[in-house]
Amino acid sequence: MVRCVDFIMKKKDKVPTKDLSDENVMEAYSTIQKWIKTIPSTLAYIKENGSKEDLRNYQIQIKMVLNKLEEIQTDMDNGNEST
Protein backbone atom coordinates (compact mmCIF):
# COMPACT_ATOMS: atom_id res chain seq x y z
CA MET A 1 0.00 0.00 0.00
CA VAL A 2 2.57 2.55 1.09
CA ARG A 3 4.73 1.87 -1.94
CA CYS A 4 1.77 2.48 -4.27
CA VAL A 5 1.21 5.98 -2.91
CA ASP A 6 4.94 6.66 -2.97
CA PHE A 7 4.99 5.67 -6.66
CA ILE A 8 1.97 7.87 -7.42
CA MET A 9 3.50 10.87 -5.68
CA LYS A 10 6.83 10.45 -7.53
CA LYS A 11 5.08 10.20 -10.90
CA LYS A 12 2.62 13.06 -10.33
CA ASP A 13 4.55 15.67 -12.30
CA LYS A 14 5.40 13.45 -15.27
CA VAL A 15 1.96 13.64 -16.95
CA PRO A 16 0.39 17.10 -17.29
CA THR A 17 -3.31 17.16 -16.37
CA LYS A 18 -4.21 18.80 -19.68
CA ASP A 19 -3.07 15.66 -21.57
CA LEU A 20 -5.44 13.36 -19.70
CA SER A 21 -8.58 12.16 -21.41
CA ASP A 22 -11.88 12.03 -19.55
CA GLU A 23 -11.44 8.26 -19.30
CA ASN A 24 -8.01 8.63 -17.71
CA VAL A 25 -9.28 11.26 -15.31
CA MET A 26 -12.12 8.99 -14.20
CA GLU A 27 -9.72 6.07 -13.83
CA ALA A 28 -7.39 8.19 -11.68
CA TYR A 29 -10.34 9.38 -9.60
CA SER A 30 -11.53 5.80 -9.14
CA THR A 31 -8.05 4.70 -8.08
CA ILE A 32 -7.86 7.48 -5.50
CA GLN A 33 -11.32 6.57 -4.18
CA LYS A 34 -10.29 2.93 -3.77
CA TRP A 35 -7.06 3.94 -2.05
CA ILE A 36 -8.88 6.28 0.34
CA LYS A 37 -11.20 3.45 1.38
CA THR A 38 -8.16 1.38 2.42
CA ILE A 39 -6.71 4.06 4.71
CA PRO A 40 -8.39 2.95 7.96
CA SER A 41 -7.42 -0.71 7.58
CA THR A 42 -3.90 0.18 6.46
CA LEU A 43 -3.45 2.51 9.43
CA ALA A 44 -4.64 -0.25 11.79
CA TYR A 45 -2.28 -2.75 10.17
CA ILE A 46 0.70 -0.39 10.43
CA LYS A 47 -0.13 0.43 14.06
CA GLU A 48 -0.13 -3.29 14.91
CA ASN A 49 2.73 -4.50 12.71
CA GLY A 50 4.82 -1.52 11.67
CA SER A 51 7.15 0.92 13.30
CA LYS A 52 6.35 4.45 14.40
CA GLU A 53 8.34 5.64 11.40
CA ASP A 54 6.18 3.52 9.05
CA LEU A 55 3.06 5.07 10.57
CA ARG A 56 4.46 8.59 10.34
CA ASN A 57 5.50 8.09 6.70
CA TYR A 58 2.06 6.76 5.77
CA GLN A 59 0.36 9.68 7.50
CA ILE A 60 2.60 12.09 5.59
CA GLN A 61 1.64 10.40 2.32
CA ILE A 62 -2.05 10.73 3.20
CA LYS A 63 -1.56 14.45 3.80
CA MET A 64 0.31 14.83 0.50
CA VAL A 65 -2.54 13.19 -1.41
CA LEU A 66 -5.15 15.32 0.37
CA ASN A 67 -3.16 18.50 -0.31
CA LYS A 68 -2.88 17.60 -3.99
CA LEU A 69 -6.61 16.90 -4.19
CA GLU A 70 -7.33 20.28 -2.60
CA GLU A 71 -4.99 21.94 -5.10
CA ILE A 72 -6.75 20.22 -7.99
CA GLN A 73 -10.15 21.23 -6.61
CA THR A 74 -9.02 24.85 -6.27
CA ASP A 75 -7.67 24.84 -9.82
CA MET A 76 -10.92 23.36 -11.12
CA ASP A 77 -12.96 25.97 -9.21
CA ASN A 78 -10.80 28.73 -10.70
CA GLY A 79 -11.01 27.27 -14.20
CA ASN A 80 -7.27 26.60 -14.35
CA GLU A 81 -5.43 23.38 -15.07
CA SER A 82 -3.56 21.60 -12.30
CA THR A 83 0.12 20.81 -12.62
C-alpha atoms as a PDB file:
ATOM      1  CA  MET A   1       0.000   0.000   0.000  1.00  0.00           C
ATOM      2  CA  VAL A   2       2.570   2.553   1.089  1.00  0.00           C
ATOM      3  CA  ARG A   3       4.733   1.871  -1.936  1.00  0.00           C
ATOM      4  CA  CYS A   4       1.773   2.478  -4.274  1.00  0.00           C
ATOM      5  CA  VAL A   5       1.213   5.978  -2.913  1.00  0.00           C
ATOM      6  CA  ASP A   6       4.941   6.660  -2.974  1.00  0.00           C
ATOM      7  CA  PHE A   7       4.985   5.674  -6.656  1.00  0.00           C
ATOM      8  CA  ILE A   8       1.968   7.873  -7.422  1.00  0.00           C
ATOM      9  CA  MET A   9       3.498  10.866  -5.678  1.00  0.00           C
ATOM     10  CA  LYS A  10       6.825  10.450  -7.533  1.00  0.00           C
ATOM     11  CA  LYS A  11       5.083  10.196 -10.904  1.00  0.00           C
ATOM     12  CA  LYS A  12       2.620  13.063 -10.329  1.00  0.00           C
ATOM     13  CA  ASP A  13       4.553  15.672 -12.303  1.00  0.00           C
ATOM     14  CA  LYS A  14       5.398  13.454 -15.269  1.00  0.00           C
ATOM     15  CA  VAL A  15       1.961  13.645 -16.955  1.00  0.00           C
ATOM     16  CA  PRO A  16       0.389  17.095 -17.293  1.00  0.00           C
ATOM     17  CA  THR A  17      -3.307  17.162 -16.372  1.00  0.00           C
ATOM     18  CA  LYS A  18      -4.208  18.796 -19.684  1.00  0.00           C
ATOM     19  CA  ASP A  19      -3.075  15.662 -21.572  1.00  0.00           C
ATOM     20  CA  LEU A  20      -5.436  13.360 -19.696  1.00  0.00           C
ATOM     21  CA  SER A  21      -8.577  12.161 -21.405  1.00  0.00           C
ATOM     22  CA  ASP A  22     -11.884  12.030 -19.553  1.00  0.00           C
ATOM     23  CA  GLU A  23     -11.443   8.262 -19.301  1.00  0.00           C
ATOM     24  CA  ASN A  24      -8.011   8.628 -17.709  1.00  0.00           C
ATOM     25  CA  VAL A  25      -9.283  11.259 -15.306  1.00  0.00           C
ATOM     26  CA  MET A  26     -12.122   8.989 -14.201  1.00  0.00           C
ATOM     27  CA  GLU A  27      -9.716   6.066 -13.831  1.00  0.00           C
ATOM     28  CA  ALA A  28      -7.394   8.185 -11.683  1.00  0.00           C
ATOM     29  CA  TYR A  29     -10.340   9.384  -9.604  1.00  0.00           C
ATOM     30  CA  SER A  30     -11.535   5.804  -9.140  1.00  0.00           C
ATOM     31  CA  THR A  31      -8.050   4.700  -8.085  1.00  0.00           C
ATOM     32  CA  ILE A  32      -7.864   7.478  -5.497  1.00  0.00           C
ATOM     33  CA  GLN A  33     -11.321   6.572  -4.185  1.00  0.00           C
ATOM     34  CA  LYS A  34     -10.295   2.933  -3.770  1.00  0.00           C
ATOM     35  CA  TRP A  35      -7.059   3.939  -2.049  1.00  0.00           C
ATOM     36  CA  ILE A  36      -8.876   6.281   0.344  1.00  0.00           C
ATOM     37  CA  LYS A  37     -11.196   3.452   1.382  1.00  0.00           C
ATOM     38  CA  THR A  38      -8.160   1.379   2.415  1.00  0.00           C
ATOM     39  CA  ILE A  39      -6.713   4.063   4.705  1.00  0.00           C
ATOM     40  CA  PRO A  40      -8.394   2.945   7.963  1.00  0.00           C
ATOM     41  CA  SER A  41      -7.417  -0.708   7.576  1.00  0.00           C
ATOM     42  CA  THR A  42      -3.904   0.183   6.460  1.00  0.00           C
ATOM     43  CA  LEU A  43      -3.449   2.507   9.428  1.00  0.00           C
ATOM     44  CA  ALA A  44      -4.637  -0.246  11.786  1.00  0.00           C
ATOM     45  CA  TYR A  45      -2.277  -2.747  10.165  1.00  0.00           C
ATOM     46  CA  ILE A  46       0.704  -0.390  10.430  1.00  0.00           C
ATOM     47  CA  LYS A  47      -0.128   0.426  14.062  1.00  0.00           C
ATOM     48  CA  GLU A  48      -0.131  -3.291  14.909  1.00  0.00           C
ATOM     49  CA  ASN A  49       2.726  -4.502  12.713  1.00  0.00           C
ATOM     50  CA  GLY A  50       4.820  -1.517  11.675  1.00  0.00           C
ATOM     51  CA  SER A  51       7.149   0.923  13.296  1.00  0.00           C
ATOM     52  CA  LYS A  52       6.350   4.451  14.403  1.00  0.00           C
ATOM     53  CA  GLU A  53       8.341   5.639  11.399  1.00  0.00           C
ATOM     54  CA  ASP A  54       6.182   3.522   9.046  1.00  0.00           C
ATOM     55  CA  LEU A  55       3.062   5.065  10.570  1.00  0.00           C
ATOM     56  CA  ARG A  56       4.463   8.593  10.339  1.00  0.00           C
ATOM     57  CA  ASN A  57       5.498   8.086   6.698  1.00  0.00           C
ATOM     58  CA  TYR A  58       2.062   6.765   5.771  1.00  0.00           C
ATOM     59  CA  GLN A  59       0.355   9.680   7.502  1.00  0.00           C
ATOM     60  CA  ILE A  60       2.604  12.087   5.589  1.00  0.00           C
ATOM     61  CA  GLN A  61       1.637  10.401   2.323  1.00  0.00           C
ATOM     62  CA  ILE A  62      -2.047  10.733   3.199  1.00  0.00           C
ATOM     63  CA  LYS A  63      -1.558  14.455   3.804  1.00  0.00           C
ATOM     64  CA  MET A  64       0.306  14.830   0.505  1.00  0.00           C
ATOM     65  CA  VAL A  65      -2.539  13.194  -1.414  1.00  0.00           C
ATOM     66  CA  LEU A  66      -5.152  15.317   0.368  1.00  0.00           C
ATOM     67  CA  ASN A  67      -3.164  18.498  -0.311  1.00  0.00           C
ATOM     68  CA  LYS A  68      -2.877  17.600  -3.991  1.00  0.00           C
ATOM     69  CA  LEU A  69      -6.607  16.897  -4.187  1.00  0.00           C
ATOM     70  CA  GLU A  70      -7.329  20.285  -2.601  1.00  0.00           C
ATOM     71  CA  GLU A  71      -4.994  21.939  -5.102  1.00  0.00           C
ATOM     72  CA  ILE A  72      -6.753  20.217  -7.991  1.00  0.00           C
ATOM     73  CA  GLN A  73     -10.155  21.232  -6.611  1.00  0.00           C
ATOM     74  CA  THR A  74      -9.024  24.854  -6.269  1.00  0.00           C
ATOM     75  CA  ASP A  75      -7.670  24.840  -9.822  1.00  0.00           C
ATOM     76  CA  MET A  76     -10.916  23.359 -11.117  1.00  0.00           C
ATOM     77  CA  ASP A  77     -12.957  25.969  -9.212  1.00  0.00           C
ATOM     78  CA  ASN A  78     -10.796  28.733 -10.696  1.00  0.00           C
ATOM     79  CA  GLY A  79     -11.005  27.274 -14.200  1.00  0.00           C
ATOM     80  CA  ASN A  80      -7.270  26.597 -14.350  1.00  0.00           C
ATOM     81  CA  GLU A  81      -5.434  23.384 -15.072  1.00  0.00           C
ATOM     82  CA  SER A  82      -3.556  21.603 -12.299  1.00  0.00           C
ATOM     83  CA  THR A  83       0.120  20.812 -12.622  1.00  0.00           C
END
